[in-house]
Amino acid sequence: MARLIERPKARQELEDIAFYIGIHRPSASRRFLAAARKTYATLAAMPEMGSLWKADNPRFQGLRYFPISRYPNYVIFYRPLLDGVEIIHILHGARYIQAILESEEE
């Protein structure tokens, strides 16, 4: 079984997005969470399937991203591990992603 590590920040982002989606349609929130968990499992089983994040900062070496199935505007940022993945962020693609990543502590 592939290992999945979800950073607390990523978990909070996922919950915040689900809450926002569920304000008007609670069933949509549940579908979003199910799709995110399914995408997590797929990435854990095949960690190299996402695209490599291109950045000049060496802190981001090896960082990959992949959209949530059926919710392509929401993107999972993760690092492949030898036996799975570490989920770093879940962000909407319209946000200024580079600034969000750069603001993180090492």
Protein backbone atom coordinates (compact mmCIF):
# COMPACT_ATOMS: atom_id res chain seq x y z
CA MET A 1 0.00 0.00 0.00
CA ALA A 2 1.33 3.42 -0.97
CA ARG A 3 2.01 5.94 1.77
CA LEU A 4 0.16 9.25 1.83
CA ILE A 5 1.26 12.17 3.98
CA GLU A 6 -1.03 15.20 4.04
CA ARG A 7 0.51 18.33 5.54
CA PRO A 8 -1.79 20.17 7.96
CA LYS A 9 -1.86 23.22 5.63
CA ALA A 10 -3.04 21.01 2.75
CA ARG A 11 -5.73 19.45 4.92
CA GLN A 12 -6.96 22.90 5.94
CA GLU A 13 -6.99 24.09 2.32
CA LEU A 14 -8.99 21.02 1.30
CA GLU A 15 -11.53 21.60 4.08
CA ASP A 16 -11.80 25.31 3.23
CA ILE A 17 -12.45 24.57 -0.44
CA ALA A 18 -15.03 21.91 0.44
CA PHE A 19 -16.77 24.35 2.79
CA TYR A 20 -16.85 27.03 0.11
CA ILE A 21 -18.25 24.60 -2.47
CA GLY A 22 -20.80 23.32 0.03
CA ILE A 23 -22.24 26.69 1.02
CA HIS A 24 -24.97 26.37 -1.59
CA ARG A 25 -24.76 22.66 -2.40
CA PRO A 26 -23.64 20.32 0.39
CA SER A 27 -23.76 17.34 -1.97
CA ALA A 28 -21.22 19.08 -4.23
CA SER A 29 -18.90 19.44 -1.27
CA ARG A 30 -19.07 15.69 -0.59
CA ARG A 31 -18.39 14.93 -4.25
CA PHE A 32 -15.40 17.28 -4.23
CA LEU A 33 -13.91 15.61 -1.12
CA ALA A 34 -14.42 12.15 -2.64
CA ALA A 35 -12.73 13.26 -5.88
CA ALA A 36 -9.82 14.77 -3.94
CA ARG A 37 -9.31 11.58 -1.89
CA LYS A 38 -9.46 9.47 -5.05
CA THR A 39 -6.86 11.71 -6.71
CA TYR A 40 -4.67 11.44 -3.58
CA ALA A 41 -4.79 7.64 -3.83
CA THR A 42 -3.96 7.70 -7.53
CA LEU A 43 -0.98 9.99 -6.94
CA ALA A 44 0.24 7.84 -4.04
CA ALA A 45 0.17 4.79 -6.31
CA MET A 46 1.77 6.63 -9.26
CA PRO A 47 3.75 9.57 -7.82
CA GLU A 48 5.44 10.57 -11.07
CA MET A 49 2.22 11.08 -13.02
CA GLY A 50 1.87 14.79 -12.21
CA SER A 51 3.75 17.56 -13.97
CA LEU A 52 6.98 18.92 -12.56
CA TRP A 53 6.65 22.46 -11.13
CA LYS A 54 9.16 24.68 -12.89
CA ALA A 55 10.71 27.24 -10.56
CA ASP A 56 14.10 28.85 -10.08
CA ASN A 57 14.02 28.34 -6.31
CA PRO A 58 15.80 25.08 -5.35
CA ARG A 59 13.28 24.59 -2.51
CA PHE A 60 10.80 23.49 -5.15
CA GLN A 61 13.01 20.87 -6.76
CA GLY A 62 10.94 17.74 -7.23
CA LEU A 63 7.61 19.46 -6.52
CA ARG A 64 4.85 18.19 -8.77
CA TYR A 65 1.23 19.15 -9.40
CA PHE A 66 -1.89 17.45 -10.66
CA PRO A 67 -5.53 18.59 -10.96
CA ILE A 68 -8.25 16.99 -8.88
CA SER A 69 -10.30 14.63 -11.02
CA ARG A 70 -13.54 16.29 -12.21
CA TYR A 71 -12.41 19.57 -10.56
CA PRO A 72 -9.54 20.68 -12.84
CA ASN A 73 -9.43 24.21 -11.42
CA TYR A 74 -8.18 22.79 -8.11
CA VAL A 75 -4.60 21.59 -8.16
CA ILE A 76 -2.75 19.31 -5.75
CA PHE A 77 0.90 20.17 -5.14
CA TYR A 78 2.92 17.26 -3.83
CA ARG A 79 6.33 15.66 -3.50
CA PRO A 80 6.89 12.07 -4.57
CA LEU A 81 8.28 9.79 -1.87
CA LEU A 82 9.93 6.40 -2.34
CA ASP A 83 6.70 4.73 -1.25
CA GLY A 84 4.00 7.33 -1.95
CA VAL A 85 3.47 11.10 -1.83
CA GLU A 86 3.46 14.07 0.52
CA ILE A 87 0.58 16.47 -0.19
CA ILE A 88 1.84 20.04 0.23
CA HIS A 89 -1.02 22.28 -0.99
CA ILE A 90 -4.40 22.23 -2.69
CA LEU A 91 -4.94 25.51 -4.53
CA HIS A 92 -7.27 27.01 -7.10
CA GLY A 93 -5.38 27.45 -10.36
CA ALA A 94 -6.39 31.12 -10.67
CA ARG A 95 -4.47 32.06 -7.53
CA TYR A 96 -0.94 33.45 -7.65
CA ILE A 97 0.59 30.08 -6.90
CA GLN A 98 4.24 31.09 -7.01
CA ALA A 99 3.69 33.72 -4.29
CA ILE A 100 1.84 31.22 -2.10
CA LEU A 101 4.63 28.67 -2.44
CA GLU A 102 7.33 31.27 -1.83
CA SER A 103 5.60 32.46 1.35
CA GLU A 104 5.93 29.04 2.96
CA GLU A 105 8.62 28.50 5.56
CA GLU A 106 11.24 25.92 4.73
